[in-house]
Amino acid sequence: MQEKILILDFGSQYTQLIARRIRELNVYCEIYPFNHYPAPDENVKGVILSGSPYSVRDAMAPYPDLQQVKGRIPLLGVCYGAQHLTHNFGGEVLPSNTREYGRARLVEIDNEDPLFTGVTPGTQVWMSHGDTIARIPDGYRITGSTGDVKVAAFRIDGEKTWGIQFHPEVYHTTEGARMLGNFITNICGCRGDWTPESFVEMTVRALREQLGDDRVVLGLSGGVDSSVAALLLDRAIGDRLTSIFVDNGLLRKNEYEAVLEAYRKMGLNVRGVDASAEFVDELRGVSDPEKKRKIIGRVFIEVFDREAHKVQNVKWLAQGTIYPDVIESVSVNGPSATIKSHHNVGGLPDKMHLRVVEPLRLLFKDEVRRVGRALEMPGEILHRHPFPGPGLAIRILGEVTPDKLSTLRDADEIFINGLKSNGLYDKVWQAAVILLPVQSVGVMGDERTYENTVVLRAVTSTDGMTADWSHLPHEFLADVSNQIINRVKGVNRVVYDISSKPPSTIEWE
């Protein structure tokens, strides 16, 4: 069975980052709310308590039941987790009198402690808390201090329990990966054998057992998530998987034909459905972005349901759900506030009365790509930028019309091809052209023009949760702007978006 680490979430903004760091060590881990986690079995090698926006002194402070964990299996409390292990077990946590946010240095380290094996005295760590541990309980031993924080790290004598008041998972803790590695390897004894190849083997075996001889349908989008899910299912059940790729009329130029051909070369049992007229007709006269998204979602469900019913004896609907979606749905504070309707279309399982299978629900986005590489997925699919389900409809601000779609496709093709030909495509997480409902005065030849404005948008990111605008070369931007204005009818102005997420979203709608 697969060894794993449990992370109990107290609502910290860094909880997912802890999981990512552990998985980078080839060790599988799962995140659970502090008050709803499974009883550890022989596969659970250790438990980590996350940070939290709460104070342990708050009346409503999160209080986990650790009876099955503390003193039985290795336990590491991070920030709030460390303060909980102090405050609720006989020690004292008080408001800090000194600044305990930002960079600090571990000026004193017990290098004989297995958590700090190989860690350099004076190493930089990242603090982020308003309280501090004023007094540790009996049986606790200080193992690390900064200039201002006496109890920066401790362990409990006689049991494998540690606490640290800094965050080892963030980039600013320069030897944080070593500390986490020490906990995972030296203390928990994990083998570190959770690799993309082992995930493929484990998942294919589990899918065969779960699905038996049943038939499955999957909606392909052309993106990495659904494509990797399709390859895993294809390896498990072959032609009993039917993939459906719907052209909603909102794809990039020539994308439907190119992606469909790529899927067929991959050997997938795929059906292409041209429903572009249905989508574009339903969007006529609609400008509100949420209404556009809901229309696209509704029509997709109708089209997919209609096509799926042409496949006989289907029992399962496959979806490309990934781990951040799963975590958010069961987070300690409940689902995050809706910023905009999610790109993934919901409602299909209820309408179609099918059971759901989600081969990727354990993976982060970057892990999905690594699994795709292990499955030898072609580069034109594996390295594609993320593309929203509503497609170009949310890159046309205002009403979507055939003429606007044509204009946007032509401008988008110039930008994307330019990124590829200049070796910039793989340095960008996502790139797009936005067509604004704005016209401005220009001059072409000796004539005055009054035409459309487009925005170039390119961002760098790891998982899309946060993003920075890409610092593309000015010469490249100038060349793309010149090509769009000269070659795309109806456009006389090009601007570049230099907003990051947050506060701006990657898409404009």
Protein backbone atom coordinates (compact mmCIF):
# COMPACT_ATOMS: atom_id res chain seq x y z
CA MET A 1 0.00 0.00 0.00
CA GLN A 2 1.01 3.63 -0.55
CA GLU A 3 2.73 5.30 2.42
CA LYS A 4 1.48 8.81 3.14
CA ILE A 5 1.64 11.89 5.34
CA LEU A 6 -1.51 13.57 6.69
CA ILE A 7 -1.67 17.38 6.87
CA LEU A 8 -4.31 18.79 9.22
CA ASP A 9 -5.49 22.16 7.94
CA PHE A 10 -6.24 25.01 10.33
CA GLY A 11 -6.97 27.47 7.52
CA SER A 12 -3.44 28.62 6.68
CA GLN A 13 -2.73 30.20 3.31
CA TYR A 14 0.36 27.96 3.14
CA THR A 15 -1.29 24.54 3.70
CA GLN A 16 -1.29 23.56 0.02
CA LEU A 17 2.34 24.66 -0.19
CA ILE A 18 3.28 22.19 2.57
CA ALA A 19 1.68 19.42 0.52
CA ARG A 20 3.50 20.50 -2.62
CA ARG A 21 6.87 20.50 -0.85
CA ILE A 22 6.29 17.00 0.54
CA ARG A 23 5.26 15.67 -2.86
CA GLU A 24 8.42 17.15 -4.34
CA LEU A 25 10.18 14.65 -2.06
CA ASN A 26 8.24 11.86 -3.85
CA VAL A 27 6.10 11.22 -0.79
CA TYR A 28 2.31 11.11 -1.07
CA CYS A 29 0.32 13.33 1.31
CA GLU A 30 -3.28 14.36 1.85
CA ILE A 31 -4.84 17.49 3.36
CA TYR A 32 -7.81 17.24 5.73
CA PRO A 33 -9.69 19.75 7.92
CA PHE A 34 -8.32 19.60 11.47
CA ASN A 35 -11.72 18.41 12.75
CA HIS A 36 -12.43 15.78 10.08
CA TYR A 37 -9.60 13.44 9.24
CA PRO A 38 -9.37 9.65 8.98
CA ALA A 39 -7.93 7.54 11.77
CA PRO A 40 -4.26 6.90 10.93
CA ASP A 41 -3.52 3.36 9.75
CA GLU A 42 -0.22 1.59 9.06
CA ASN A 43 0.19 3.56 5.80
CA VAL A 44 0.22 6.93 7.61
CA LYS A 45 3.86 7.59 8.46
CA GLY A 46 3.46 11.04 10.00
CA VAL A 47 1.15 14.02 10.62
CA ILE A 48 1.76 17.75 10.13
CA LEU A 49 -0.29 20.47 11.83
CA SER A 50 -0.55 23.56 9.61
CA GLY A 51 -0.48 27.24 10.49
CA SER A 52 -3.66 29.24 10.96
CA PRO A 53 -5.00 32.81 10.86
CA TYR A 54 -6.38 32.18 14.36
CA SER A 55 -4.67 32.61 17.72
CA VAL A 56 -4.63 29.61 20.07
CA ARG A 57 -5.95 32.04 22.71
CA ASP A 58 -9.13 32.78 20.73
CA ALA A 59 -12.36 31.39 22.14
CA MET A 60 -13.12 29.80 18.76
CA ALA A 61 -9.57 28.62 18.10
CA PRO A 62 -9.35 25.33 16.13
CA TYR A 63 -8.79 22.42 18.52
CA PRO A 64 -7.91 19.07 16.93
CA ASP A 65 -8.37 15.70 18.60
CA LEU A 66 -4.84 14.27 18.55
CA GLN A 67 -5.40 11.21 20.75
CA GLN A 68 -4.71 8.81 17.88
CA VAL A 69 -1.64 10.76 16.75
CA LYS A 70 0.40 12.46 19.46
CA GLY A 71 2.94 10.09 20.98
CA ARG A 72 1.98 7.30 18.56
CA ILE A 73 3.35 8.45 15.20
CA PRO A 74 5.69 11.29 14.18
CA LEU A 75 4.04 14.72 14.53
CA LEU A 76 5.24 18.15 13.38
CA GLY A 77 3.45 21.35 14.41
CA VAL A 78 4.09 24.37 12.15
CA CYS A 79 3.46 27.87 13.56
CA TYR A 80 -0.12 27.59 14.94
CA GLY A 81 0.43 23.83 15.15
CA ALA A 82 3.47 24.37 17.40
CA GLN A 83 1.59 26.89 19.55
CA HIS A 84 -1.33 24.47 19.92
CA LEU A 85 1.07 21.76 21.13
CA THR A 86 2.31 24.26 23.72
CA HIS A 87 -0.83 26.15 24.82
CA ASN A 88 -3.05 23.09 25.21
CA PHE A 89 -0.49 20.79 26.85
CA GLY A 90 0.68 22.85 29.83
CA GLY A 91 2.73 25.68 28.30
CA GLU A 92 1.96 29.35 27.72
CA VAL A 93 1.44 31.33 24.51
CA LEU A 94 1.21 35.13 24.74
CA PRO A 95 0.96 38.08 22.32
CA SER A 96 4.41 38.86 20.99
CA ASN A 97 6.19 42.01 22.15
CA THR A 98 8.61 41.92 19.22
CA ARG A 99 8.14 41.73 15.47
CA GLU A 100 7.68 38.07 14.49
CA TYR A 101 6.74 38.48 10.86
CA GLY A 102 9.20 38.15 8.01
CA ARG A 103 12.80 36.96 7.77
CA ALA A 104 14.71 35.79 10.84
CA ARG A 105 17.77 33.66 11.50
CA LEU A 106 18.12 30.50 13.56
CA VAL A 107 21.15 31.62 15.52
CA GLU A 108 21.00 28.56 17.78
CA ILE A 109 20.28 25.04 16.45
CA ASP A 110 20.54 21.63 18.07
CA ASN A 111 22.24 19.85 15.17
CA GLU A 112 21.97 16.54 17.00
CA ASP A 113 18.21 16.77 16.69
CA PRO A 114 17.10 14.74 13.61
CA LEU A 115 14.89 17.60 12.38
CA PHE A 116 17.96 19.82 11.95
CA THR A 117 20.48 17.32 10.58
CA GLY A 118 22.68 19.18 8.09
CA VAL A 119 20.97 22.55 8.69
CA THR A 120 23.37 25.53 8.85
CA PRO A 121 23.43 27.60 12.08
CA GLY A 122 22.21 31.11 11.28
CA THR A 123 20.03 29.85 8.41
CA GLN A 124 17.19 32.13 7.31
CA VAL A 125 13.60 31.25 8.25
CA TRP A 126 10.23 32.93 7.67
CA MET A 127 8.08 33.95 10.64
CA SER A 128 4.39 34.80 10.36
CA HIS A 129 2.62 35.01 13.70
CA GLY A 130 1.35 37.54 16.25
CA ASP A 131 1.73 35.24 19.28
CA THR A 132 4.83 33.64 20.71
CA ILE A 133 5.61 30.68 22.94
CA ALA A 134 6.47 32.22 26.32
CA ARG A 135 6.87 28.97 28.28
CA ILE A 136 7.12 25.36 27.11
CA PRO A 137 5.51 22.50 29.06
CA ASP A 138 7.49 20.03 31.15
CA GLY A 139 9.17 17.42 28.98
CA TYR A 140 9.60 19.83 26.05
CA ARG A 141 13.11 20.79 24.93
CA ILE A 142 14.12 23.88 22.92
CA THR A 143 16.00 22.92 19.73
CA GLY A 144 16.16 26.24 17.88
CA SER A 145 16.15 29.97 18.65
CA THR A 146 16.34 33.25 16.72
CA GLY A 147 17.66 36.56 18.02
CA ASP A 148 14.16 37.56 19.15
CA VAL A 149 12.36 34.24 19.58
CA LYS A 150 13.72 31.94 22.27
CA VAL A 151 11.40 29.03 21.40
CA ALA A 152 11.63 28.94 17.62
CA ALA A 153 11.70 25.13 17.65
CA PHE A 154 11.17 22.37 20.21
CA ARG A 155 10.67 18.63 20.55
CA ILE A 156 9.00 16.51 23.20
CA ASP A 157 11.23 14.05 25.04
CA GLY A 158 10.11 10.45 24.80
CA GLU A 159 7.95 10.88 21.71
CA LYS A 160 8.41 11.81 18.08
CA THR A 161 6.74 15.21 18.33
CA TRP A 162 8.27 18.49 17.10
CA GLY A 163 7.12 22.09 16.85
CA ILE A 164 8.50 25.05 14.89
CA GLN A 165 7.24 28.63 14.94
CA PHE A 166 8.42 29.38 11.39
CA HIS A 167 7.24 28.14 7.98
CA PRO A 168 9.64 25.62 6.37
CA GLU A 169 7.45 25.33 3.27
CA VAL A 170 7.95 28.88 1.96
CA TYR A 171 10.76 29.98 -0.34
CA HIS A 172 12.12 32.46 2.22
CA THR A 173 13.06 29.64 4.63
CA THR A 174 16.21 28.81 2.70
CA GLU A 175 16.78 25.33 4.17
CA GLY A 176 13.12 24.53 4.69
CA ALA A 177 13.19 21.71 2.14
CA ARG A 178 16.01 20.05 4.08
CA MET A 179 14.04 20.34 7.33
CA LEU A 180 10.92 18.85 5.78
CA GLY A 181 13.08 16.18 4.18
CA ASN A 182 14.56 15.37 7.58
CA PHE A 183 11.08 14.99 9.05
CA ILE A 184 9.76 12.91 6.17
CA THR A 185 12.83 10.70 5.70
CA ASN A 186 14.79 10.59 8.98
CA ILE A 187 11.88 10.78 11.39
CA CYS A 188 8.90 9.29 9.52
CA GLY A 189 11.02 6.80 7.58
CA CYS A 190 9.29 7.37 4.23
CA ARG A 191 10.82 5.66 1.20
CA GLY A 192 10.06 8.47 -1.25
CA ASP A 193 8.78 6.19 -4.01
CA TRP A 194 5.67 8.15 -5.04
CA THR A 195 6.67 9.07 -8.62
CA PRO A 196 4.66 9.83 -11.77
CA GLU A 197 5.40 6.31 -12.96
CA SER A 198 4.21 4.75 -9.69
CA PHE A 199 1.08 6.94 -9.81
CA VAL A 200 0.28 5.69 -13.32
CA GLU A 201 0.72 2.07 -12.27
CA MET A 202 -1.34 2.50 -9.09
CA THR A 203 -4.12 4.47 -10.82
CA VAL A 204 -4.49 2.14 -13.81
CA ARG A 205 -4.77 -0.82 -11.44
CA ALA A 206 -7.36 0.99 -9.30
CA LEU A 207 -9.39 2.08 -12.37
CA ARG A 208 -9.58 -1.49 -13.66
CA GLU A 209 -10.83 -2.65 -10.28
CA GLN A 210 -13.30 0.24 -9.93
CA LEU A 211 -14.77 0.13 -13.44
CA GLY A 212 -14.77 -3.59 -14.18
CA ASP A 213 -16.32 -4.15 -17.62
CA ASP A 214 -18.36 -0.91 -17.56
CA ARG A 215 -18.30 1.78 -20.23
CA VAL A 216 -17.19 5.36 -19.51
CA VAL A 217 -17.71 8.72 -21.25
CA LEU A 218 -15.38 11.69 -20.88
CA GLY A 219 -15.63 15.25 -22.16
CA LEU A 220 -12.31 16.29 -23.69
CA SER A 221 -11.46 19.99 -23.75
CA GLY A 222 -8.07 19.95 -25.44
CA GLY A 223 -6.46 20.88 -22.12
CA VAL A 224 -3.91 18.92 -20.13
CA ASP A 225 -6.19 17.72 -17.30
CA SER A 226 -8.88 16.04 -19.39
CA SER A 227 -6.27 14.70 -21.83
CA VAL A 228 -4.19 13.02 -19.09
CA ALA A 229 -7.39 11.62 -17.55
CA ALA A 230 -8.29 10.17 -20.97
CA LEU A 231 -4.87 8.52 -21.38
CA LEU A 232 -5.05 6.92 -17.92
CA LEU A 233 -8.53 5.57 -18.62
CA ASP A 234 -7.51 4.41 -22.09
CA ARG A 235 -4.62 2.48 -20.58
CA ALA A 236 -6.99 0.93 -18.03
CA ILE A 237 -10.07 0.07 -20.13
CA GLY A 238 -9.21 0.81 -23.77
CA ASP A 239 -12.15 1.30 -26.15
CA ARG A 240 -14.66 1.05 -23.33
CA LEU A 241 -13.81 4.74 -22.86
CA THR A 242 -15.56 7.07 -25.31
CA SER A 243 -14.19 10.61 -25.31
CA ILE A 244 -16.28 13.45 -26.71
CA PHE A 245 -14.64 16.65 -27.96
CA VAL A 246 -17.17 19.43 -28.51
CA ASP A 247 -16.46 22.40 -30.77
CA ASN A 248 -18.35 25.20 -29.04
CA GLY A 249 -17.40 27.74 -31.69
CA LEU A 250 -15.28 29.54 -29.11
CA LEU A 251 -11.95 27.80 -29.73
CA ARG A 252 -8.78 29.29 -31.20
CA LYS A 253 -8.19 29.38 -34.94
CA ASN A 254 -8.09 25.86 -36.44
CA GLU A 255 -7.92 24.43 -32.91
CA TYR A 256 -10.82 21.98 -33.24
CA GLU A 257 -9.31 20.18 -36.22
CA ALA A 258 -5.75 20.20 -34.84
CA VAL A 259 -6.67 18.89 -31.38
CA LEU A 260 -9.03 16.25 -32.74
CA GLU A 261 -6.27 14.95 -35.01
CA ALA A 262 -3.82 14.89 -32.08
CA TYR A 263 -6.25 12.81 -30.02
CA ARG A 264 -6.70 10.33 -32.84
CA LYS A 265 -2.93 9.98 -33.22
CA MET A 266 -2.81 9.19 -29.48
CA GLY A 267 -5.10 6.23 -30.20
CA LEU A 268 -8.07 7.53 -28.20
CA ASN A 269 -11.62 6.47 -29.04
CA VAL A 270 -12.75 10.05 -29.61
CA ARG A 271 -15.82 11.60 -31.23
CA GLY A 272 -15.74 15.17 -32.52
CA VAL A 273 -18.96 17.18 -32.35
CA ASP A 274 -19.33 20.51 -34.18
CA ALA A 275 -21.93 22.40 -32.14
CA SER A 276 -20.48 25.85 -32.81
CA ALA A 277 -23.70 27.26 -34.30
CA GLU A 278 -25.72 26.30 -31.20
CA PHE A 279 -23.38 28.08 -28.80
CA VAL A 280 -22.95 31.24 -30.86
CA ASP A 281 -26.71 31.52 -31.47
CA GLU A 282 -27.46 31.22 -27.74
CA LEU A 283 -24.91 33.95 -26.93
CA ARG A 284 -26.41 36.49 -29.32
CA GLY A 285 -27.26 39.73 -27.51
CA VAL A 286 -25.70 38.67 -24.17
CA SER A 287 -23.00 40.90 -22.65
CA ASP A 288 -22.90 39.99 -18.94
CA PRO A 289 -19.92 37.66 -18.31
CA GLU A 290 -21.70 35.46 -15.75
CA LYS A 291 -24.67 35.01 -18.09
CA LYS A 292 -22.30 34.08 -20.90
CA ARG A 293 -20.64 31.45 -18.70
CA LYS A 294 -23.96 29.98 -17.60
CA ILE A 295 -25.26 29.82 -21.18
CA ILE A 296 -22.10 28.07 -22.33
CA GLY A 297 -22.31 25.62 -19.41
CA ARG A 298 -25.97 24.86 -20.09
CA VAL A 299 -25.52 24.33 -23.82
CA PHE A 300 -22.46 22.14 -23.21
CA ILE A 301 -24.46 19.91 -20.88
CA GLU A 302 -27.24 19.63 -23.47
CA VAL A 303 -24.83 18.80 -26.30
CA PHE A 304 -22.70 16.40 -24.25
CA ASP A 305 -25.75 14.62 -22.84
CA ARG A 306 -27.19 14.21 -26.33
CA GLU A 307 -23.95 12.77 -27.71
CA ALA A 308 -23.27 10.58 -24.68
CA HIS A 309 -26.66 8.90 -25.06
CA LYS A 310 -25.52 7.65 -28.46
CA VAL A 311 -23.01 5.47 -26.60
CA GLN A 312 -24.64 2.25 -25.39
CA ASN A 313 -24.61 1.04 -21.77
CA VAL A 314 -22.59 3.88 -20.25
CA LYS A 315 -22.30 3.66 -16.45
CA TRP A 316 -19.62 6.24 -15.62
CA LEU A 317 -18.78 9.87 -16.34
CA ALA A 318 -15.05 10.68 -16.12
CA GLN A 319 -13.95 14.17 -15.09
CA GLY A 320 -10.56 15.88 -14.92
CA THR A 321 -10.98 17.16 -11.34
CA ILE A 322 -7.61 17.90 -9.71
CA TYR A 323 -6.56 18.11 -6.06
CA PRO A 324 -6.96 21.88 -5.44
CA ASP A 325 -10.65 21.52 -6.42
CA VAL A 326 -11.04 18.66 -3.93
CA ILE A 327 -9.26 20.54 -1.12
CA GLU A 328 -11.35 23.67 -1.61
CA SER A 329 -14.61 21.73 -1.39
CA VAL A 330 -13.71 20.36 2.07
CA SER A 331 -11.50 23.18 3.43
CA VAL A 332 -11.60 24.14 7.07
CA ASN A 333 -13.55 27.30 6.21
CA GLY A 334 -15.73 25.72 3.49
CA PRO A 335 -15.53 26.51 -0.22
CA SER A 336 -13.87 29.79 -1.13
CA ALA A 337 -16.01 32.73 -2.13
CA THR A 338 -17.07 32.59 -5.75
CA ILE A 339 -15.07 35.09 -7.80
CA LYS A 340 -16.63 33.83 -11.02
CA SER A 341 -18.20 30.58 -12.14
CA HIS A 342 -15.56 27.86 -12.47
CA HIS A 343 -14.33 26.94 -15.93
CA ASN A 344 -15.20 23.27 -15.32
CA VAL A 345 -18.84 22.67 -16.17
CA GLY A 346 -20.94 21.20 -13.36
CA GLY A 347 -24.36 19.57 -13.46
CA LEU A 348 -23.51 16.65 -15.77
CA PRO A 349 -23.57 13.79 -13.20
CA ASP A 350 -27.02 14.79 -11.85
CA LYS A 351 -28.53 15.17 -15.31
CA MET A 352 -27.07 11.99 -16.74
CA HIS A 353 -27.54 9.76 -13.66
CA LEU A 354 -24.00 8.41 -13.97
CA ARG A 355 -21.40 7.55 -11.38
CA VAL A 356 -18.33 9.80 -11.45
CA VAL A 357 -14.72 8.68 -11.81
CA GLU A 358 -11.91 11.22 -11.28
CA PRO A 359 -8.47 9.74 -12.06
CA LEU A 360 -6.60 12.99 -11.26
CA ARG A 361 -8.29 14.00 -8.02
CA LEU A 362 -5.03 13.37 -6.07
CA LEU A 363 -2.80 15.59 -8.24
CA PHE A 364 -1.74 19.23 -8.34
CA LYS A 365 -1.57 20.89 -11.77
CA ASP A 366 2.18 20.53 -12.21
CA GLU A 367 1.92 16.87 -11.17
CA VAL A 368 -0.66 16.30 -13.90
CA ARG A 369 1.91 17.42 -16.47
CA ARG A 370 4.53 15.07 -15.01
CA VAL A 371 2.09 12.17 -15.23
CA GLY A 372 1.32 13.17 -18.82
CA ARG A 373 5.04 13.04 -19.56
CA ALA A 374 5.23 9.55 -17.99
CA LEU A 375 2.36 8.53 -20.28
CA GLU A 376 4.37 9.88 -23.27
CA MET A 377 1.70 12.43 -24.17
CA PRO A 378 2.60 14.45 -27.29
CA GLY A 379 4.13 17.85 -26.59
CA GLU A 380 1.45 19.78 -28.49
CA ILE A 381 -1.08 18.69 -25.85
CA LEU A 382 1.17 18.32 -22.79
CA HIS A 383 2.69 21.80 -23.03
CA ARG A 384 -0.45 23.66 -24.07
CA HIS A 385 -1.30 26.72 -22.03
CA PRO A 386 -4.43 26.49 -19.88
CA PHE A 387 -7.50 27.56 -21.85
CA PRO A 388 -10.81 28.43 -20.16
CA GLY A 389 -13.89 26.31 -20.79
CA PRO A 390 -15.91 29.32 -22.02
CA GLY A 391 -13.08 29.95 -24.49
CA LEU A 392 -12.97 33.16 -26.49
CA ALA A 393 -16.40 34.19 -25.17
CA ILE A 394 -14.77 35.57 -22.03
CA ARG A 395 -12.00 37.20 -24.05
CA ILE A 396 -14.54 39.27 -25.96
CA LEU A 397 -15.80 41.90 -23.55
CA GLY A 398 -19.47 42.40 -24.30
CA GLU A 399 -21.60 40.58 -26.87
CA VAL A 400 -20.09 37.66 -28.78
CA THR A 401 -20.61 37.81 -32.55
CA PRO A 402 -19.14 35.86 -35.48
CA ASP A 403 -17.27 38.98 -36.68
CA LYS A 404 -15.72 39.59 -33.26
CA LEU A 405 -14.72 35.93 -32.98
CA SER A 406 -13.01 36.13 -36.36
CA THR A 407 -11.11 39.30 -35.38
CA LEU A 408 -10.01 37.82 -32.06
CA ARG A 409 -8.91 34.50 -33.60
CA ASP A 410 -6.71 36.27 -36.14
CA ALA A 411 -5.06 38.48 -33.49
CA ASP A 412 -4.66 35.55 -31.09
CA GLU A 413 -3.00 33.41 -33.77
CA ILE A 414 -0.37 36.08 -34.39
CA PHE A 415 0.40 36.42 -30.66
CA ILE A 416 0.58 32.67 -29.88
CA ASN A 417 2.59 31.82 -33.00
CA GLY A 418 4.92 34.71 -32.19
CA LEU A 419 5.54 33.33 -28.70
CA LYS A 420 6.33 29.92 -30.16
CA SER A 421 8.62 31.12 -32.95
CA ASN A 422 10.58 33.32 -30.53
CA GLY A 423 11.08 30.58 -27.92
CA LEU A 424 8.84 32.33 -25.39
CA TYR A 425 5.80 30.05 -25.31
CA ASP A 426 7.15 27.65 -22.67
CA LYS A 427 8.31 30.56 -20.49
CA VAL A 428 4.71 31.77 -20.17
CA TRP A 429 2.02 30.02 -18.08
CA GLN A 430 -0.88 31.41 -20.10
CA ALA A 431 -1.24 33.90 -22.94
CA ALA A 432 -4.32 35.47 -24.47
CA VAL A 433 -5.62 38.31 -26.58
CA ILE A 434 -8.64 40.26 -25.28
CA LEU A 435 -10.95 42.17 -27.61
CA LEU A 436 -12.23 45.32 -25.94
CA PRO A 437 -15.55 47.08 -26.66
CA VAL A 438 -13.46 50.20 -27.19
CA GLN A 439 -12.66 52.01 -30.42
CA SER A 440 -10.04 54.68 -30.85
CA VAL A 441 -8.74 57.03 -33.52
CA GLY A 442 -5.79 55.94 -35.62
CA VAL A 443 -4.04 56.79 -38.86
CA MET A 444 -3.30 54.31 -41.64
CA GLY A 445 -1.63 55.81 -44.67
CA ASP A 446 -3.20 59.20 -45.09
CA GLU A 447 -6.57 58.09 -43.74
CA ARG A 448 -8.11 58.46 -40.31
CA THR A 449 -9.38 55.22 -38.72
CA TYR A 450 -11.74 54.57 -35.84
CA GLU A 451 -11.27 50.91 -34.97
CA ASN A 452 -10.94 48.29 -32.23
CA THR A 453 -8.43 47.85 -29.42
CA VAL A 454 -7.00 44.50 -28.35
CA VAL A 455 -5.07 43.64 -25.19
CA LEU A 456 -2.17 41.19 -25.04
CA ARG A 457 -2.11 39.24 -21.79
CA ALA A 458 0.71 36.90 -20.70
CA VAL A 459 1.39 35.64 -17.17
CA THR A 460 3.83 33.42 -15.31
CA SER A 461 2.54 31.07 -12.62
CA THR A 462 2.89 27.60 -11.11
CA ASP A 463 -0.72 26.61 -10.58
CA GLY A 464 -2.82 29.62 -11.59
CA MET A 465 -3.73 30.49 -7.99
CA THR A 466 -1.41 33.51 -8.17
CA ALA A 467 0.26 34.96 -11.27
CA ASP A 468 2.64 37.72 -12.31
CA TRP A 469 2.59 39.45 -15.68
CA SER A 470 5.28 38.20 -18.04
CA HIS A 471 8.11 40.60 -18.77
CA LEU A 472 8.22 39.91 -22.49
CA PRO A 473 10.90 41.67 -24.58
CA HIS A 474 9.82 45.08 -25.85
CA GLU A 475 11.06 44.26 -29.34
CA PHE A 476 8.83 41.18 -29.42
CA LEU A 477 5.78 43.12 -28.23
CA ALA A 478 6.44 45.82 -30.81
CA ASP A 479 6.66 43.23 -33.58
CA VAL A 480 3.43 41.48 -32.53
CA SER A 481 1.62 44.81 -32.26
CA ASN A 482 2.77 45.79 -35.73
CA GLN A 483 1.68 42.47 -37.23
CA ILE A 484 -1.78 42.59 -35.62
CA ILE A 485 -2.47 46.16 -36.72
CA ASN A 486 -1.27 45.50 -40.28
CA ARG A 487 -2.89 42.09 -40.76
CA VAL A 488 -6.08 42.01 -38.66
CA LYS A 489 -8.88 44.00 -40.20
CA GLY A 490 -10.62 46.33 -37.77
CA VAL A 491 -7.81 46.66 -35.18
CA ASN A 492 -5.72 49.84 -34.93
CA ARG A 493 -4.44 49.72 -31.34
CA VAL A 494 -2.66 47.06 -29.24
CA VAL A 495 -1.95 47.38 -25.48
CA TYR A 496 -0.18 45.08 -22.98
CA ASP A 497 -1.69 44.11 -19.62
CA ILE A 498 0.80 44.49 -16.73
CA SER A 499 -1.58 43.46 -13.90
CA SER A 500 -0.80 40.56 -11.57
CA LYS A 501 -3.12 38.11 -9.75
CA PRO A 502 -4.15 39.21 -7.20
CA PRO A 503 -5.63 41.77 -7.48
CA SER A 504 -6.50 41.09 -11.14
CA THR A 505 -7.64 37.73 -12.47
CA ILE A 506 -5.82 36.10 -15.39
CA GLU A 507 -8.89 36.30 -17.64
CA TRP A 508 -10.72 39.58 -18.04
CA GLU A 509 -14.17 38.06 -17.52
